[in-house]
Amino acid sequence: MRETGRARVRVGVIGTGAISQLMHLPILSERNDVELTALADLDGAKARAVAQRFGVARVMSDDEMIAADDIDGVVICAPSFLHEDFAAACLKAGKHVLVERPLALSPGGVRQLVKAADETGIGLVLGLSHRYQANVRALRSAVAEGALGELGTVRVSWLNRAVRRPRTGWRRRALEAGGGALMDLGVPALDLALWVLGYPEVDRVSATTRGDGFDVEEEAHLFAVTRDGVAVTLSASWRLHAPEDRHRLWIFGSEGGARMSPLSIYRQVGGRTVDVTPRQPIPRGGEDLFTNGFRRLLDEFVRVAAGTAAARLPNEQETLMRLIEAAYDSAREGREVKLT
């Protein structure tokens, strides 16, 4: 672990895919409190090119990074099936870790990681950047304060437009990806919906999936009901036929409603509908909310790795992965599945 009083946190990154190059590496490389120490990737040539681009001195294997004494924290952007093993190894080695979603491919995997983090006292930070966006936090606060009254339905859609050449590689292989659109897009979409609600327990779920002959589904549609009766619906797709991706959230309550993005909150006041959307801070430099969410996520990770903040154990991810697992069971068996 890092010596007390060291000026900069020493960070390694495993995986040099799109999210690593677009978000984690640019943000980490510009921080004066971070030393971006090393990169690891199964594709050595790619890792060396990316390291040169971001001024990272060393390229090493994942095992070497996890064992290195001069690395305080590791950001895991590797393929999904590697998340659990890499995170567990980092925790065992005394390294704080940020894991891109999903934390693990199963409820049991999540449970083991949370247990390891709890027992070792090492930080386990969950890479769900939407939780750090100002608009999402404002909506979560409005729901917690009862501004919308009794909630009835939450609808979330995470639809990515179809592309001429569909992505290949590990995302199309079930054993490595854990699933298709439901695992890839449904995990962040459902986490968004459930986190805004305060993560209620889910009572039952039914789902259907569709594909084009690949090993995993191209789209998924889900209907779940929480123990307190709130309906949650999800549509996730890799094949939206539209000019751009569409990521949306709607909440319907007895006294008001909300949608995102952009964030709009309305409620009944004196018999009329009033816009009560709170003012939100403008991200620095004019960057968008998505990028700013990653910046704030990495702020937390750096504080955890520096020893100035404690990571909150992501216990609720077991609830999320139980829901994902049950949805796949429902789609495969053609029936509603009870979770409680």
Protein backbone atom coordinates (compact mmCIF):
# COMPACT_ATOMS: atom_id res chain seq x y z
CA MET A 1 0.00 0.00 0.00
CA ARG A 2 1.04 3.61 -0.53
CA GLU A 3 3.30 5.30 1.98
CA THR A 4 1.64 8.02 4.04
CA GLY A 5 2.44 11.49 2.80
CA ARG A 6 3.42 10.58 -0.79
CA ALA A 7 2.61 13.54 -3.06
CA ARG A 8 0.99 11.60 -5.88
CA VAL A 9 -1.13 8.47 -6.07
CA ARG A 10 0.43 5.84 -8.31
CA VAL A 11 -2.18 4.32 -10.61
CA GLY A 12 -2.07 1.47 -13.10
CA VAL A 13 -4.73 0.73 -15.72
CA ILE A 14 -5.61 -2.75 -17.00
CA GLY A 15 -7.28 -2.61 -20.40
CA THR A 16 -6.84 -0.06 -23.17
CA GLY A 17 -10.24 -0.24 -24.85
CA ALA A 18 -12.55 2.63 -25.75
CA ILE A 19 -13.66 3.67 -22.25
CA SER A 20 -10.06 3.56 -21.04
CA GLN A 21 -8.79 5.77 -23.86
CA LEU A 22 -11.76 8.15 -23.96
CA MET A 23 -12.26 8.68 -20.22
CA HIS A 24 -9.94 7.11 -17.65
CA LEU A 25 -6.56 7.76 -19.26
CA PRO A 26 -7.17 11.37 -20.39
CA ILE A 27 -8.59 12.38 -17.01
CA LEU A 28 -5.94 10.59 -14.94
CA SER A 29 -3.06 11.85 -17.11
CA GLU A 30 -3.98 15.51 -16.56
CA ARG A 31 -4.13 15.29 -12.76
CA ASN A 32 -1.19 16.66 -10.81
CA ASP A 33 -2.00 14.38 -7.85
CA VAL A 34 -1.76 11.17 -9.92
CA GLU A 35 1.25 9.39 -11.36
CA LEU A 36 -0.04 7.25 -14.21
CA THR A 37 2.50 4.50 -13.65
CA ALA A 38 1.75 1.61 -15.99
CA LEU A 39 -0.64 0.05 -18.51
CA ALA A 40 -1.51 -3.58 -19.13
CA ASP A 41 -3.37 -5.15 -22.04
CA LEU A 42 -3.45 -8.55 -23.72
CA ASP A 43 -2.54 -6.75 -26.96
CA GLY A 44 1.01 -5.64 -26.20
CA ALA A 45 1.43 -3.54 -29.35
CA LYS A 46 -1.76 -1.64 -28.62
CA ALA A 47 -0.72 -1.11 -25.00
CA ARG A 48 2.63 0.32 -26.06
CA ALA A 49 0.98 2.71 -28.54
CA VAL A 50 -1.53 3.91 -25.96
CA ALA A 51 1.19 4.27 -23.32
CA GLN A 52 3.21 6.48 -25.67
CA ARG A 53 0.14 8.58 -26.45
CA PHE A 54 -0.56 9.29 -22.78
CA GLY A 55 3.02 9.45 -21.59
CA VAL A 56 2.90 6.27 -19.49
CA ALA A 57 6.41 4.99 -18.81
CA ARG A 58 5.75 1.26 -18.45
CA VAL A 59 3.77 -1.52 -20.11
CA MET A 60 3.49 -4.72 -18.10
CA SER A 61 1.33 -7.82 -17.77
CA ASP A 62 -1.71 -7.75 -15.51
CA ASP A 63 0.01 -10.12 -13.07
CA GLU A 64 3.06 -7.86 -12.93
CA MET A 65 0.88 -4.81 -12.28
CA ILE A 66 -1.05 -6.48 -9.48
CA ALA A 67 2.20 -7.60 -7.83
CA ALA A 68 4.09 -4.31 -8.29
CA ASP A 69 5.07 -2.57 -5.04
CA ASP A 70 5.06 0.90 -6.59
CA ILE A 71 1.37 0.95 -7.62
CA ASP A 72 -1.28 2.10 -5.14
CA GLY A 73 -4.46 1.63 -7.14
CA VAL A 74 -5.62 -0.14 -10.29
CA VAL A 75 -8.38 0.80 -12.74
CA ILE A 76 -9.85 -2.30 -14.40
CA CYS A 77 -11.20 -1.73 -17.92
CA ALA A 78 -10.63 -5.31 -19.10
CA PRO A 79 -13.31 -7.56 -20.67
CA SER A 80 -16.19 -8.30 -18.30
CA PHE A 81 -15.28 -11.91 -17.53
CA LEU A 82 -11.95 -10.76 -16.09
CA HIS A 83 -13.34 -8.14 -13.71
CA GLU A 84 -13.95 -10.40 -10.74
CA ASP A 85 -10.61 -12.21 -10.80
CA PHE A 86 -8.56 -9.05 -11.37
CA ALA A 87 -10.41 -7.16 -8.63
CA ALA A 88 -10.02 -10.02 -6.16
CA ALA A 89 -6.29 -10.24 -6.91
CA CYS A 90 -5.87 -6.47 -6.44
CA LEU A 91 -7.66 -6.55 -3.08
CA LYS A 92 -5.54 -9.49 -1.94
CA ALA A 93 -2.39 -7.58 -2.97
CA GLY A 94 -3.47 -4.52 -0.98
CA LYS A 95 -4.28 -2.37 -4.00
CA HIS A 96 -7.33 -0.15 -4.14
CA VAL A 97 -9.33 -0.90 -7.25
CA LEU A 98 -11.87 0.78 -9.52
CA VAL A 99 -13.84 -1.76 -11.55
CA GLU A 100 -15.76 -0.81 -14.68
CA ARG A 101 -19.21 -2.33 -14.82
CA PRO A 102 -20.24 -5.03 -14.29
CA LEU A 103 -18.49 -5.61 -10.99
CA ALA A 104 -18.86 -9.36 -11.58
CA LEU A 105 -20.99 -11.50 -13.87
CA SER A 106 -22.99 -13.14 -11.07
CA PRO A 107 -24.53 -12.28 -7.68
CA GLY A 108 -22.10 -14.71 -6.03
CA GLY A 109 -19.15 -12.99 -7.66
CA VAL A 110 -20.29 -9.61 -6.36
CA ARG A 111 -20.78 -11.07 -2.90
CA GLN A 112 -17.23 -12.47 -2.82
CA LEU A 113 -15.68 -9.16 -3.89
CA VAL A 114 -17.64 -7.16 -1.34
CA LYS A 115 -16.64 -9.63 1.35
CA ALA A 116 -12.96 -9.38 0.35
CA ALA A 117 -13.06 -5.57 0.39
CA ASP A 118 -14.75 -5.58 3.78
CA GLU A 119 -12.26 -8.03 5.28
CA THR A 120 -9.14 -6.36 3.88
CA GLY A 121 -10.25 -2.76 4.33
CA ILE A 122 -9.05 -2.04 0.79
CA GLY A 123 -11.12 0.30 -1.37
CA LEU A 124 -13.43 -1.23 -4.00
CA VAL A 125 -14.88 1.54 -6.18
CA LEU A 126 -17.67 0.81 -8.63
CA GLY A 127 -17.29 2.27 -12.13
CA LEU A 128 -20.84 3.55 -12.66
CA SER A 129 -20.20 7.16 -13.56
CA HIS A 130 -23.85 8.22 -13.91
CA ARG A 131 -24.10 8.22 -10.10
CA TYR A 132 -21.71 11.19 -10.07
CA GLN A 133 -23.60 13.31 -12.60
CA ALA A 134 -25.28 16.43 -11.19
CA ASN A 135 -28.59 15.73 -12.99
CA VAL A 136 -28.82 12.17 -11.66
CA ARG A 137 -28.04 13.27 -8.10
CA ALA A 138 -30.67 16.02 -8.31
CA LEU A 139 -33.28 13.51 -9.44
CA ARG A 140 -32.34 11.04 -6.70
CA SER A 141 -32.72 13.81 -4.10
CA ALA A 142 -36.15 14.80 -5.47
CA VAL A 143 -37.35 11.19 -5.24
CA ALA A 144 -35.96 10.76 -1.71
CA GLU A 145 -37.69 13.97 -0.59
CA GLY A 146 -41.04 12.73 -1.92
CA ALA A 147 -41.36 15.52 -4.47
CA LEU A 148 -43.11 13.19 -6.94
CA GLY A 149 -45.47 11.64 -4.40
CA GLU A 150 -46.10 7.91 -4.46
CA LEU A 151 -44.14 6.36 -7.30
CA GLY A 152 -45.91 4.14 -9.81
CA THR A 153 -43.63 3.42 -12.72
CA VAL A 154 -40.02 3.94 -13.78
CA ARG A 155 -39.15 3.46 -17.44
CA VAL A 156 -35.59 3.32 -18.68
CA SER A 157 -34.35 2.81 -22.22
CA TRP A 158 -30.72 2.40 -23.24
CA LEU A 159 -30.77 2.12 -27.01
CA ASN A 160 -27.63 2.21 -29.13
CA ARG A 161 -28.01 2.74 -32.84
CA ALA A 162 -27.25 -0.05 -35.25
CA VAL A 163 -23.92 0.23 -37.03
CA ARG A 164 -22.90 -1.09 -40.43
CA ARG A 165 -20.27 -3.40 -38.96
CA PRO A 166 -21.48 -4.82 -35.62
CA ARG A 167 -18.87 -5.16 -32.90
CA THR A 168 -17.12 -8.50 -32.77
CA GLY A 169 -14.79 -10.06 -30.22
CA TRP A 170 -15.49 -10.91 -26.59
CA ARG A 171 -18.73 -8.89 -26.39
CA ARG A 172 -20.35 -11.37 -28.77
CA ARG A 173 -19.28 -14.44 -26.80
CA ALA A 174 -21.61 -15.36 -23.93
CA LEU A 175 -18.98 -16.99 -21.72
CA GLU A 176 -16.81 -13.86 -21.81
CA ALA A 177 -19.45 -11.12 -21.88
CA GLY A 178 -21.98 -12.82 -19.62
CA GLY A 179 -24.71 -11.83 -22.07
CA GLY A 180 -25.49 -9.32 -24.79
CA ALA A 181 -27.40 -6.04 -24.70
CA LEU A 182 -28.97 -6.83 -21.32
CA MET A 183 -25.57 -7.30 -19.66
CA ASP A 184 -23.82 -4.53 -21.59
CA LEU A 185 -26.49 -1.82 -21.53
CA GLY A 186 -29.02 -3.18 -19.04
CA VAL A 187 -26.57 -3.16 -16.14
CA PRO A 188 -25.95 0.63 -16.20
CA ALA A 189 -29.55 1.39 -17.18
CA LEU A 190 -31.07 -0.66 -14.37
CA ASP A 191 -28.51 0.64 -11.88
CA LEU A 192 -29.52 4.18 -12.86
CA ALA A 193 -33.21 3.44 -12.32
CA LEU A 194 -32.74 1.53 -9.07
CA TRP A 195 -30.16 3.95 -7.63
CA VAL A 196 -32.48 6.90 -8.20
CA LEU A 197 -35.17 4.95 -6.32
CA GLY A 198 -32.83 4.15 -3.41
CA TYR A 199 -32.27 0.55 -4.53
CA PRO A 200 -35.52 -1.19 -3.48
CA GLU A 201 -35.70 -4.97 -3.44
CA VAL A 202 -37.19 -6.47 -6.62
CA ASP A 203 -40.01 -8.98 -6.15
CA ARG A 204 -40.48 -10.44 -9.63
CA VAL A 205 -39.37 -10.02 -13.23
CA SER A 206 -40.28 -11.12 -16.72
CA ALA A 207 -38.11 -10.54 -19.77
CA THR A 208 -37.66 -11.32 -23.43
CA THR A 209 -34.51 -11.21 -25.55
CA ARG A 210 -33.95 -11.15 -29.30
CA GLY A 211 -30.92 -11.64 -31.51
CA ASP A 212 -29.62 -12.08 -35.03
CA GLY A 213 -27.94 -15.44 -34.71
CA PHE A 214 -25.06 -14.27 -32.55
CA ASP A 215 -24.04 -15.99 -29.33
CA VAL A 216 -25.72 -13.22 -27.29
CA GLU A 217 -28.88 -11.12 -27.58
CA GLU A 218 -29.06 -7.91 -29.60
CA GLU A 219 -31.92 -6.48 -27.56
CA ALA A 220 -33.76 -7.15 -24.31
CA HIS A 221 -37.04 -5.99 -22.79
CA LEU A 222 -37.78 -6.37 -19.09
CA PHE A 223 -40.67 -5.75 -16.71
CA ALA A 224 -40.00 -5.92 -12.98
CA VAL A 225 -41.96 -5.04 -9.85
CA THR A 226 -40.35 -3.97 -6.59
CA ARG A 227 -41.52 -5.24 -3.21
CA ASP A 228 -43.29 -1.92 -2.61
CA GLY A 229 -45.15 -2.14 -5.93
CA VAL A 230 -43.19 0.16 -8.25
CA ALA A 231 -43.07 -1.10 -11.83
CA VAL A 232 -39.69 -0.90 -13.57
CA THR A 233 -39.45 -1.37 -17.32
CA LEU A 234 -36.30 -1.58 -19.42
CA SER A 235 -35.54 -1.67 -23.11
CA ALA A 236 -31.90 -2.22 -24.08
CA SER A 237 -30.70 -2.61 -27.65
CA TRP A 238 -27.62 -2.58 -29.84
CA ARG A 239 -29.71 -2.20 -33.00
CA LEU A 240 -31.77 0.99 -32.76
CA HIS A 241 -32.52 2.28 -36.25
CA ALA A 242 -32.14 5.99 -35.63
CA PRO A 243 -29.54 8.69 -36.30
CA GLU A 244 -28.19 8.62 -32.73
CA ASP A 245 -28.23 6.64 -29.47
CA ARG A 246 -31.16 7.26 -27.14
CA HIS A 247 -30.72 6.94 -23.39
CA ARG A 248 -33.82 7.97 -21.45
CA LEU A 249 -35.37 7.69 -17.99
CA TRP A 250 -38.94 8.53 -16.98
CA ILE A 251 -40.47 8.47 -13.50
CA PHE A 252 -44.23 8.67 -12.92
CA GLY A 253 -45.57 9.59 -9.46
CA SER A 254 -48.89 10.53 -7.90
CA GLU A 255 -47.85 14.17 -7.42
CA GLY A 256 -45.41 14.70 -10.25
CA GLY A 257 -43.13 13.24 -12.86
CA ALA A 258 -39.58 13.47 -14.16
CA ARG A 259 -37.55 12.62 -17.21
CA MET A 260 -33.93 12.58 -18.19
CA SER A 261 -32.01 13.66 -20.26
CA PRO A 262 -32.20 16.60 -20.10
CA LEU A 263 -33.50 16.59 -16.55
CA SER A 264 -37.05 17.91 -16.14
CA ILE A 265 -39.11 17.61 -12.96
CA TYR A 266 -42.78 18.62 -12.78
CA ARG A 267 -45.28 18.42 -9.97
CA GLN A 268 -48.83 19.44 -9.16
CA VAL A 269 -48.97 22.67 -7.14
CA GLY A 270 -52.29 24.34 -6.47
CA GLY A 271 -54.03 22.32 -9.14
CA ARG A 272 -51.57 23.09 -11.93
CA THR A 273 -48.41 21.53 -13.28
CA VAL A 274 -45.28 23.46 -12.32
CA ASP A 275 -41.70 23.03 -13.51
CA VAL A 276 -39.63 22.45 -10.34
CA THR A 277 -36.40 21.34 -12.03
CA PRO A 278 -33.53 22.47 -9.79
CA ARG A 279 -30.68 24.53 -11.16
CA GLN A 280 -27.57 22.44 -11.65
CA PRO A 281 -23.89 23.37 -11.66
CA ILE A 282 -22.28 23.74 -15.07
CA PRO A 283 -19.30 21.35 -15.46
CA ARG A 284 -15.96 23.08 -15.77
CA GLY A 285 -14.60 23.82 -19.17
CA GLY A 286 -18.00 23.23 -20.75
CA GLU A 287 -17.57 19.44 -20.72
CA ASP A 288 -20.71 17.32 -20.93
CA LEU A 289 -22.36 15.62 -17.97
CA PHE A 290 -21.15 12.18 -19.09
CA THR A 291 -17.49 13.20 -19.03
CA ASN A 292 -17.96 15.15 -15.82
CA GLY A 293 -19.46 12.04 -14.20
CA PHE A 294 -16.24 10.14 -14.97
CA ARG A 295 -14.17 13.02 -13.61
CA ARG A 296 -16.06 12.90 -10.32
CA LEU A 297 -15.85 9.10 -10.20
CA LEU A 298 -12.08 9.30 -10.58
CA ASP A 299 -11.98 12.04 -7.94
CA GLU A 300 -13.43 9.52 -5.50
CA PHE A 301 -11.09 6.74 -6.58
CA VAL A 302 -8.03 8.96 -6.14
CA ARG A 303 -9.21 9.99 -2.66
CA VAL A 304 -9.70 6.34 -1.73
CA ALA A 305 -6.29 5.33 -3.11
CA ALA A 306 -4.70 8.28 -1.27
CA GLY A 307 -6.22 7.16 2.01
CA THR A 308 -8.23 10.35 2.51
CA ALA A 309 -11.64 8.72 1.96
CA ALA A 310 -13.20 5.31 2.51
CA ALA A 311 -14.97 3.54 -0.35
CA ARG A 312 -18.58 2.59 0.32
CA LEU A 313 -19.09 -1.14 -0.15
CA PRO A 314 -21.21 -1.72 -3.29
CA ASN A 315 -23.55 -4.23 -1.61
CA GLU A 316 -26.48 -3.25 -3.83
CA GLN A 317 -24.74 -4.73 -6.87
CA GLU A 318 -25.75 -8.17 -5.66
CA THR A 319 -29.40 -7.05 -5.95
CA LEU A 320 -28.71 -5.79 -9.47
CA MET A 321 -27.02 -8.97 -10.63
CA ARG A 322 -29.76 -11.12 -9.09
CA LEU A 323 -32.20 -9.13 -11.23
CA ILE A 324 -30.07 -9.60 -14.37
CA GLU A 325 -29.70 -13.33 -13.68
CA ALA A 326 -33.45 -13.73 -13.10
CA ALA A 327 -34.22 -11.78 -16.30
CA TYR A 328 -32.09 -14.19 -18.33
CA ASP A 329 -33.87 -17.12 -16.65
CA SER A 330 -37.22 -15.55 -17.53
CA ALA A 331 -36.27 -15.00 -21.17
CA ARG A 332 -34.94 -18.54 -21.52
CA GLU A 333 -37.85 -20.26 -19.78
CA GLY A 334 -40.67 -17.98 -20.97
CA ARG A 335 -42.09 -17.27 -17.49
CA GLU A 336 -42.11 -14.73 -14.71
CA VAL A 337 -39.39 -15.28 -12.12
CA LYS A 338 -39.77 -14.50 -8.41
CA LEU A 339 -36.79 -13.02 -6.60
CA THR A 340 -38.20 -12.81 -3.07
